[in-house]
Amino acid sequence: MAFKSRILIVEDERDTREVLADWLRARGYDVDIFDGGSRALEFLQAGPRPKIIILDLLLRSDMNGWQFLEIVKDNPDLRNIPVIAMSGADLTPQQRRQCKAEAFLAKPVHPYALLNLLRQYGAAPSRDGPDGSTPSMPS
């Protein structure tokens, strides 16, 4: 069995969180999901580090995504984990840059744009996708 890249999704919208997680798992990723920032931070402190964090900037629970990102980027043990931020808000390019994430995707997220970013930041899918083959991009 090939090594699987671990992805952490922090998203409070259940449907979005589940669809993204299922889609990534079907492509050979290990995925951990949380609906709030505090529990995700506890996981990051205690558990195996993900290769990438996918973060909703507009979390509505215990902290928003901007606060979560600030904590992650200020922590020497976590700051090197790339973060892909996403939001349904109409953010300006300046606001996107200010969020300190390595990349930004507007919602609704196009899954293959996400897959390209995951690969760009070193989280390639494993070779044991649902049919045993390497997941591929459409032409």
N, C-alpha and C. Protein backbone atom coordinates (compact mmCIF):
# COMPACT_ATOMS: atom_id res chain seq x y z
N MET A 1 0.84 -1.18 0.00
CA MET A 1 0.00 0.00 0.00
C MET A 1 0.88 1.24 0.00
N ALA A 2 0.56 2.19 -0.84
CA ALA A 2 1.32 3.42 -0.95
C ALA A 2 0.98 4.36 0.20
N PHE A 3 1.91 5.24 0.48
CA PHE A 3 1.68 6.28 1.48
C PHE A 3 0.55 7.18 1.02
N LYS A 4 -0.33 7.53 1.95
CA LYS A 4 -1.42 8.46 1.64
C LYS A 4 -1.13 9.80 2.28
N SER A 5 -1.33 10.85 1.53
CA SER A 5 -1.20 12.19 2.08
C SER A 5 -2.40 12.49 2.97
N ARG A 6 -2.15 13.04 4.14
CA ARG A 6 -3.20 13.38 5.09
C ARG A 6 -3.62 14.83 4.86
N ILE A 7 -4.92 15.04 4.74
CA ILE A 7 -5.51 16.36 4.53
C ILE A 7 -6.44 16.65 5.70
N LEU A 8 -6.37 17.87 6.23
CA LEU A 8 -7.28 18.31 7.28
C LEU A 8 -8.25 19.32 6.69
N ILE A 9 -9.54 19.05 6.82
CA ILE A 9 -10.58 19.97 6.37
C ILE A 9 -11.24 20.59 7.61
N VAL A 10 -11.25 21.93 7.65
CA VAL A 10 -11.93 22.65 8.72
C VAL A 10 -13.03 23.48 8.05
N GLU A 11 -14.25 22.99 8.18
CA GLU A 11 -15.40 23.55 7.45
C GLU A 11 -16.65 23.33 8.27
N ASP A 12 -17.40 24.39 8.54
CA ASP A 12 -18.59 24.24 9.38
C ASP A 12 -19.84 23.83 8.60
N GLU A 13 -19.84 23.98 7.30
CA GLU A 13 -20.99 23.56 6.51
C GLU A 13 -20.88 22.05 6.25
N ARG A 14 -21.78 21.32 6.87
CA ARG A 14 -21.71 19.86 6.85
C ARG A 14 -21.65 19.28 5.43
N ASP A 15 -22.54 19.71 4.57
CA ASP A 15 -22.57 19.16 3.21
C ASP A 15 -21.26 19.41 2.47
N THR A 16 -20.75 20.62 2.56
CA THR A 16 -19.47 20.94 1.90
C THR A 16 -18.35 20.09 2.46
N ARG A 17 -18.30 20.00 3.78
CA ARG A 17 -17.26 19.21 4.46
C ARG A 17 -17.30 17.75 4.03
N GLU A 18 -18.49 17.15 4.04
CA GLU A 18 -18.63 15.73 3.70
C GLU A 18 -18.35 15.45 2.23
N VAL A 19 -18.84 16.31 1.34
CA VAL A 19 -18.61 16.11 -0.09
C VAL A 19 -17.12 16.21 -0.41
N LEU A 20 -16.45 17.24 0.12
CA LEU A 20 -15.01 17.36 -0.11
C LEU A 20 -14.25 16.16 0.44
N ALA A 21 -14.59 15.76 1.65
CA ALA A 21 -13.90 14.62 2.27
C ALA A 21 -14.10 13.35 1.46
N ASP A 22 -15.33 13.06 1.07
CA ASP A 22 -15.60 11.85 0.28
C ASP A 22 -14.88 11.89 -1.05
N TRP A 23 -14.89 13.04 -1.70
CA TRP A 23 -14.24 13.17 -3.00
C TRP A 23 -12.73 12.95 -2.89
N LEU A 24 -12.12 13.50 -1.84
CA LEU A 24 -10.68 13.34 -1.65
C LEU A 24 -10.33 11.90 -1.24
N ARG A 25 -11.14 11.31 -0.39
CA ARG A 25 -10.89 9.92 0.00
C ARG A 25 -10.96 8.98 -1.20
N ALA A 26 -11.89 9.24 -2.10
CA ALA A 26 -12.03 8.42 -3.30
C ALA A 26 -10.81 8.55 -4.21
N ARG A 27 -10.02 9.59 -4.01
CA ARG A 27 -8.83 9.79 -4.81
C ARG A 27 -7.56 9.40 -4.06
N GLY A 28 -7.71 8.72 -2.94
CA GLY A 28 -6.55 8.15 -2.26
C GLY A 28 -5.95 8.99 -1.16
N TYR A 29 -6.66 9.99 -0.66
CA TYR A 29 -6.16 10.79 0.45
C TYR A 29 -6.73 10.30 1.76
N ASP A 30 -5.96 10.45 2.84
CA ASP A 30 -6.50 10.30 4.20
C ASP A 30 -7.04 11.67 4.58
N VAL A 31 -8.26 11.74 5.05
CA VAL A 31 -8.89 13.02 5.34
C VAL A 31 -9.44 13.03 6.76
N ASP A 32 -9.10 14.08 7.50
CA ASP A 32 -9.67 14.33 8.82
C ASP A 32 -10.52 15.58 8.69
N ILE A 33 -11.70 15.57 9.33
CA ILE A 33 -12.61 16.70 9.21
C ILE A 33 -13.02 17.23 10.58
N PHE A 34 -13.16 18.57 10.65
CA PHE A 34 -13.64 19.22 11.86
C PHE A 34 -14.55 20.35 11.46
N ASP A 35 -15.56 20.60 12.31
CA ASP A 35 -16.51 21.67 12.01
C ASP A 35 -16.19 22.97 12.75
N GLY A 36 -15.10 22.98 13.51
CA GLY A 36 -14.72 24.17 14.25
C GLY A 36 -13.21 24.24 14.44
N GLY A 37 -12.74 25.45 14.69
CA GLY A 37 -11.31 25.67 14.80
C GLY A 37 -10.66 25.11 16.05
N SER A 38 -11.33 25.19 17.20
CA SER A 38 -10.71 24.73 18.45
C SER A 38 -10.39 23.25 18.42
N ARG A 39 -11.35 22.45 17.98
CA ARG A 39 -11.11 20.99 17.92
C ARG A 39 -10.04 20.66 16.88
N ALA A 40 -10.03 21.41 15.78
CA ALA A 40 -9.00 21.18 14.76
C ALA A 40 -7.62 21.52 15.31
N LEU A 41 -7.53 22.59 16.10
CA LEU A 41 -6.24 22.94 16.70
C LEU A 41 -5.78 21.89 17.70
N GLU A 42 -6.71 21.36 18.49
CA GLU A 42 -6.37 20.27 19.42
C GLU A 42 -5.82 19.07 18.65
N PHE A 43 -6.47 18.74 17.54
CA PHE A 43 -6.02 17.63 16.70
C PHE A 43 -4.62 17.90 16.17
N LEU A 44 -4.38 19.11 15.69
CA LEU A 44 -3.06 19.46 15.15
C LEU A 44 -1.97 19.36 16.21
N GLN A 45 -2.29 19.74 17.44
CA GLN A 45 -1.31 19.68 18.52
C GLN A 45 -1.01 18.24 18.95
N ALA A 46 -2.03 17.38 18.89
CA ALA A 46 -1.89 16.03 19.44
C ALA A 46 -1.58 14.96 18.41
N GLY A 47 -2.08 15.12 17.21
CA GLY A 47 -2.05 14.02 16.27
C GLY A 47 -1.01 14.17 15.18
N PRO A 48 -1.09 13.27 14.23
CA PRO A 48 -0.18 13.37 13.09
C PRO A 48 -0.47 14.64 12.29
N ARG A 49 0.57 15.26 11.81
CA ARG A 49 0.41 16.50 11.06
C ARG A 49 -0.11 16.21 9.65
N PRO A 50 -1.09 17.00 9.20
CA PRO A 50 -1.55 16.83 7.82
C PRO A 50 -0.53 17.43 6.85
N LYS A 51 -0.60 17.01 5.64
CA LYS A 51 0.25 17.58 4.59
C LYS A 51 -0.27 18.98 4.23
N ILE A 52 -1.61 19.15 4.27
CA ILE A 52 -2.25 20.41 3.91
C ILE A 52 -3.51 20.58 4.75
N ILE A 53 -3.85 21.85 5.03
CA ILE A 53 -5.11 22.19 5.69
C ILE A 53 -6.00 22.91 4.68
N ILE A 54 -7.25 22.47 4.57
CA ILE A 54 -8.25 23.16 3.77
C ILE A 54 -9.17 23.85 4.76
N LEU A 55 -9.27 25.17 4.68
CA LEU A 55 -9.91 25.97 5.72
C LEU A 55 -10.97 26.90 5.16
N ASP A 56 -12.16 26.82 5.72
CA ASP A 56 -13.21 27.80 5.43
C ASP A 56 -12.93 29.05 6.26
N LEU A 57 -12.79 30.19 5.60
CA LEU A 57 -12.50 31.43 6.32
C LEU A 57 -13.69 31.93 7.14
N LEU A 58 -14.90 31.52 6.77
CA LEU A 58 -16.08 32.03 7.44
C LEU A 58 -16.70 31.02 8.40
N LEU A 59 -15.86 30.35 9.17
CA LEU A 59 -16.37 29.45 10.20
C LEU A 59 -17.26 30.23 11.14
N ARG A 60 -18.33 29.59 11.59
CA ARG A 60 -19.28 30.31 12.45
C ARG A 60 -19.34 29.71 13.85
N SER A 61 -18.42 28.87 14.20
CA SER A 61 -18.51 28.24 15.52
C SER A 61 -17.65 29.01 16.52
N ASP A 62 -16.72 28.33 17.15
CA ASP A 62 -15.95 28.91 18.24
C ASP A 62 -14.94 29.97 17.81
N MET A 63 -14.50 29.94 16.58
CA MET A 63 -13.59 30.95 16.03
C MET A 63 -13.78 30.96 14.53
N ASN A 64 -13.44 32.07 13.89
CA ASN A 64 -13.54 32.08 12.44
C ASN A 64 -12.24 31.58 11.81
N GLY A 65 -12.26 31.40 10.53
CA GLY A 65 -11.09 30.87 9.84
C GLY A 65 -9.90 31.80 9.87
N TRP A 66 -10.15 33.10 9.88
CA TRP A 66 -9.06 34.07 9.98
C TRP A 66 -8.32 33.89 11.30
N GLN A 67 -9.06 33.71 12.39
CA GLN A 67 -8.45 33.51 13.71
C GLN A 67 -7.68 32.19 13.75
N PHE A 68 -8.28 31.13 13.20
CA PHE A 68 -7.62 29.83 13.15
C PHE A 68 -6.30 29.94 12.40
N LEU A 69 -6.34 30.60 11.26
CA LEU A 69 -5.14 30.74 10.43
C LEU A 69 -4.06 31.53 11.15
N GLU A 70 -4.45 32.57 11.85
CA GLU A 70 -3.48 33.38 12.62
C GLU A 70 -2.77 32.51 13.67
N ILE A 71 -3.53 31.67 14.37
CA ILE A 71 -2.94 30.79 15.38
C ILE A 71 -1.99 29.79 14.74
N VAL A 72 -2.41 29.18 13.65
CA VAL A 72 -1.56 28.20 12.96
C VAL A 72 -0.26 28.84 12.48
N LYS A 73 -0.36 30.00 11.86
CA LYS A 73 0.84 30.63 11.28
C LYS A 73 1.75 31.24 12.35
N ASP A 74 1.23 31.47 13.57
CA ASP A 74 2.06 31.96 14.67
C ASP A 74 2.72 30.84 15.46
N ASN A 75 2.31 29.60 15.20
CA ASN A 75 2.84 28.45 15.94
C ASN A 75 4.01 27.84 15.17
N PRO A 76 5.22 27.82 15.76
CA PRO A 76 6.38 27.29 15.05
C PRO A 76 6.24 25.83 14.62
N ASP A 77 5.42 25.06 15.34
CA ASP A 77 5.24 23.65 14.99
C ASP A 77 4.24 23.45 13.85
N LEU A 78 3.43 24.47 13.56
CA LEU A 78 2.37 24.32 12.57
C LEU A 78 2.53 25.24 11.37
N ARG A 79 3.30 26.29 11.49
CA ARG A 79 3.32 27.34 10.46
C ARG A 79 3.74 26.86 9.08
N ASN A 80 4.45 25.76 8.98
CA ASN A 80 4.91 25.28 7.67
C ASN A 80 3.90 24.38 6.96
N ILE A 81 2.77 24.12 7.59
CA ILE A 81 1.73 23.34 6.92
C ILE A 81 1.00 24.28 5.96
N PRO A 82 1.01 23.98 4.67
CA PRO A 82 0.29 24.85 3.73
C PRO A 82 -1.21 24.86 4.02
N VAL A 83 -1.81 26.03 3.88
CA VAL A 83 -3.24 26.19 4.09
C VAL A 83 -3.88 26.68 2.80
N ILE A 84 -4.92 25.97 2.38
CA ILE A 84 -5.74 26.41 1.25
C ILE A 84 -7.02 26.97 1.87
N ALA A 85 -7.17 28.27 1.79
CA ALA A 85 -8.36 28.93 2.34
C ALA A 85 -9.45 28.94 1.29
N MET A 86 -10.70 28.88 1.75
CA MET A 86 -11.83 28.96 0.83
C MET A 86 -12.92 29.78 1.48
N SER A 87 -13.70 30.43 0.63
CA SER A 87 -14.77 31.26 1.15
C SER A 87 -15.81 31.52 0.07
N GLY A 88 -17.04 31.65 0.51
CA GLY A 88 -18.11 32.04 -0.38
C GLY A 88 -18.29 33.55 -0.41
N ALA A 89 -17.55 34.27 0.43
CA ALA A 89 -17.64 35.73 0.47
C ALA A 89 -16.91 36.32 -0.73
N ASP A 90 -17.32 37.49 -1.11
CA ASP A 90 -16.71 38.19 -2.23
C ASP A 90 -15.51 38.98 -1.72
N LEU A 91 -14.37 38.29 -1.58
CA LEU A 91 -13.17 38.92 -1.04
C LEU A 91 -12.36 39.59 -2.15
N THR A 92 -11.77 40.71 -1.83
CA THR A 92 -10.89 41.38 -2.78
C THR A 92 -9.57 40.62 -2.87
N PRO A 93 -8.82 40.83 -3.94
CA PRO A 93 -7.48 40.20 -4.01
C PRO A 93 -6.61 40.58 -2.81
N GLN A 94 -6.72 41.82 -2.34
CA GLN A 94 -5.94 42.25 -1.18
C GLN A 94 -6.34 41.47 0.07
N GLN A 95 -7.64 41.27 0.28
CA GLN A 95 -8.10 40.49 1.43
C GLN A 95 -7.62 39.05 1.33
N ARG A 96 -7.61 38.50 0.15
CA ARG A 96 -7.12 37.12 -0.04
C ARG A 96 -5.66 37.00 0.35
N ARG A 97 -4.85 37.97 -0.06
CA ARG A 97 -3.42 37.95 0.29
C ARG A 97 -3.20 38.15 1.79
N GLN A 98 -4.03 38.98 2.42
CA GLN A 98 -3.87 39.28 3.84
C GLN A 98 -4.21 38.09 4.73
N CYS A 99 -4.88 37.09 4.22
CA CYS A 99 -5.30 35.99 5.07
C CYS A 99 -4.16 35.02 5.42
N LYS A 100 -2.99 35.20 4.84
CA LYS A 100 -1.79 34.41 5.15
C LYS A 100 -1.86 32.95 4.71
N ALA A 101 -2.87 32.60 3.94
CA ALA A 101 -2.93 31.23 3.40
C ALA A 101 -2.05 31.14 2.16
N GLU A 102 -1.60 29.94 1.87
CA GLU A 102 -0.76 29.74 0.68
C GLU A 102 -1.58 29.84 -0.60
N ALA A 103 -2.87 29.54 -0.51
CA ALA A 103 -3.73 29.59 -1.70
C ALA A 103 -5.15 29.90 -1.26
N PHE A 104 -5.96 30.35 -2.21
CA PHE A 104 -7.35 30.69 -1.94
C PHE A 104 -8.22 30.14 -3.05
N LEU A 105 -9.36 29.57 -2.66
CA LEU A 105 -10.37 29.11 -3.62
C LEU A 105 -11.71 29.72 -3.24
N ALA A 106 -12.42 30.22 -4.24
CA ALA A 106 -13.77 30.73 -4.02
C ALA A 106 -14.74 29.57 -4.03
N LYS A 107 -15.77 29.65 -3.18
CA LYS A 107 -16.82 28.64 -3.17
C LYS A 107 -17.87 29.04 -4.21
N PRO A 108 -18.48 28.10 -4.87
CA PRO A 108 -18.25 26.67 -4.70
C PRO A 108 -16.90 26.27 -5.28
N VAL A 109 -16.23 25.40 -4.57
CA VAL A 109 -14.89 24.96 -4.94
C VAL A 109 -14.98 23.99 -6.11
N HIS A 110 -14.21 24.27 -7.14
CA HIS A 110 -14.11 23.31 -8.25
C HIS A 110 -13.14 22.22 -7.81
N PRO A 111 -13.59 20.96 -7.76
CA PRO A 111 -12.75 19.90 -7.19
C PRO A 111 -11.41 19.72 -7.88
N TYR A 112 -11.35 19.91 -9.19
CA TYR A 112 -10.07 19.70 -9.86
C TYR A 112 -9.12 20.87 -9.65
N ALA A 113 -9.64 22.06 -9.38
CA ALA A 113 -8.78 23.18 -8.99
C ALA A 113 -8.16 22.87 -7.62
N LEU A 114 -8.96 22.30 -6.73
CA LEU A 114 -8.45 21.89 -5.42
C LEU A 114 -7.39 20.80 -5.58
N LEU A 115 -7.66 19.82 -6.40
CA LEU A 115 -6.70 18.74 -6.62
C LEU A 115 -5.38 19.27 -7.17
N ASN A 116 -5.45 20.23 -8.08
CA ASN A 116 -4.22 20.83 -8.60
C ASN A 116 -3.43 21.52 -7.50
N LEU A 117 -4.12 22.24 -6.60
CA LEU A 117 -3.43 22.90 -5.50
C LEU A 117 -2.82 21.89 -4.53
N LEU A 118 -3.54 20.82 -4.25
CA LEU A 118 -3.00 19.78 -3.37
C LEU A 118 -1.70 19.23 -3.95
N ARG A 119 -1.71 18.95 -5.22
CA ARG A 119 -0.49 18.44 -5.88
C ARG A 119 0.62 19.49 -5.86
N GLN A 120 0.25 20.74 -6.12
CA GLN A 120 1.24 21.83 -6.13
C GLN A 120 1.96 21.94 -4.78
N TYR A 121 1.24 21.69 -3.70
CA TYR A 121 1.83 21.80 -2.37
C TYR A 121 2.28 20.45 -1.81
N GLY A 122 2.46 19.47 -2.68
CA GLY A 122 3.11 18.23 -2.31
C GLY A 122 2.23 17.13 -1.76
N ALA A 123 0.93 17.24 -1.91
CA ALA A 123 0.02 16.21 -1.41
C ALA A 123 -0.57 15.44 -2.58
N ALA A 124 0.25 14.58 -3.15
CA ALA A 124 -0.22 13.77 -4.27
C ALA A 124 -1.09 12.63 -3.74
N PRO A 125 -2.12 12.26 -4.50
CA PRO A 125 -2.94 11.13 -4.07
C PRO A 125 -2.13 9.85 -4.11
N SER A 126 -2.55 8.88 -3.33
CA SER A 126 -1.85 7.59 -3.32
C SER A 126 -2.19 6.81 -4.57
N ARG A 127 -1.52 5.72 -4.76
CA ARG A 127 -1.78 4.87 -5.92
C ARG A 127 -2.88 3.87 -5.65
N ASP A 128 -3.48 3.92 -4.49
CA ASP A 128 -4.54 2.95 -4.20
C ASP A 128 -5.90 3.64 -4.15
N GLY A 129 -6.27 4.25 -5.26
CA GLY A 129 -7.57 4.86 -5.41
C GLY A 129 -8.63 3.75 -5.41
N PRO A 130 -9.89 4.08 -5.64
CA PRO A 130 -10.97 3.12 -5.51
C PRO A 130 -10.82 1.89 -6.39
N ASP A 131 -10.19 2.06 -7.56
CA ASP A 131 -10.04 0.91 -8.45
C ASP A 131 -8.60 0.42 -8.50
N GLY A 132 -7.74 0.88 -7.57
CA GLY A 132 -6.37 0.45 -7.51
C GLY A 132 -5.45 1.22 -8.44
N SER A 133 -5.97 2.19 -9.18
CA SER A 133 -5.15 2.95 -10.10
C SER A 133 -4.87 4.32 -9.55
N THR A 134 -3.91 5.00 -10.18
CA THR A 134 -3.60 6.35 -9.78
C THR A 134 -4.71 7.27 -10.26
N PRO A 135 -5.29 8.06 -9.37
CA PRO A 135 -6.31 8.99 -9.80
C PRO A 135 -5.74 9.95 -10.83
N SER A 136 -6.48 10.25 -11.86
CA SER A 136 -5.97 11.12 -12.91
C SER A 136 -6.87 12.32 -13.10
N MET A 137 -6.29 13.32 -13.71
CA MET A 137 -7.03 14.53 -14.03
C MET A 137 -7.71 14.35 -15.38
N PRO A 138 -8.88 14.94 -15.56
CA PRO A 138 -9.51 14.84 -16.87
C PRO A 138 -8.77 15.68 -17.88
N SER A 139 -8.89 15.32 -19.15
CA SER A 139 -8.20 16.10 -20.19
C SER A 139 -8.99 17.32 -20.55
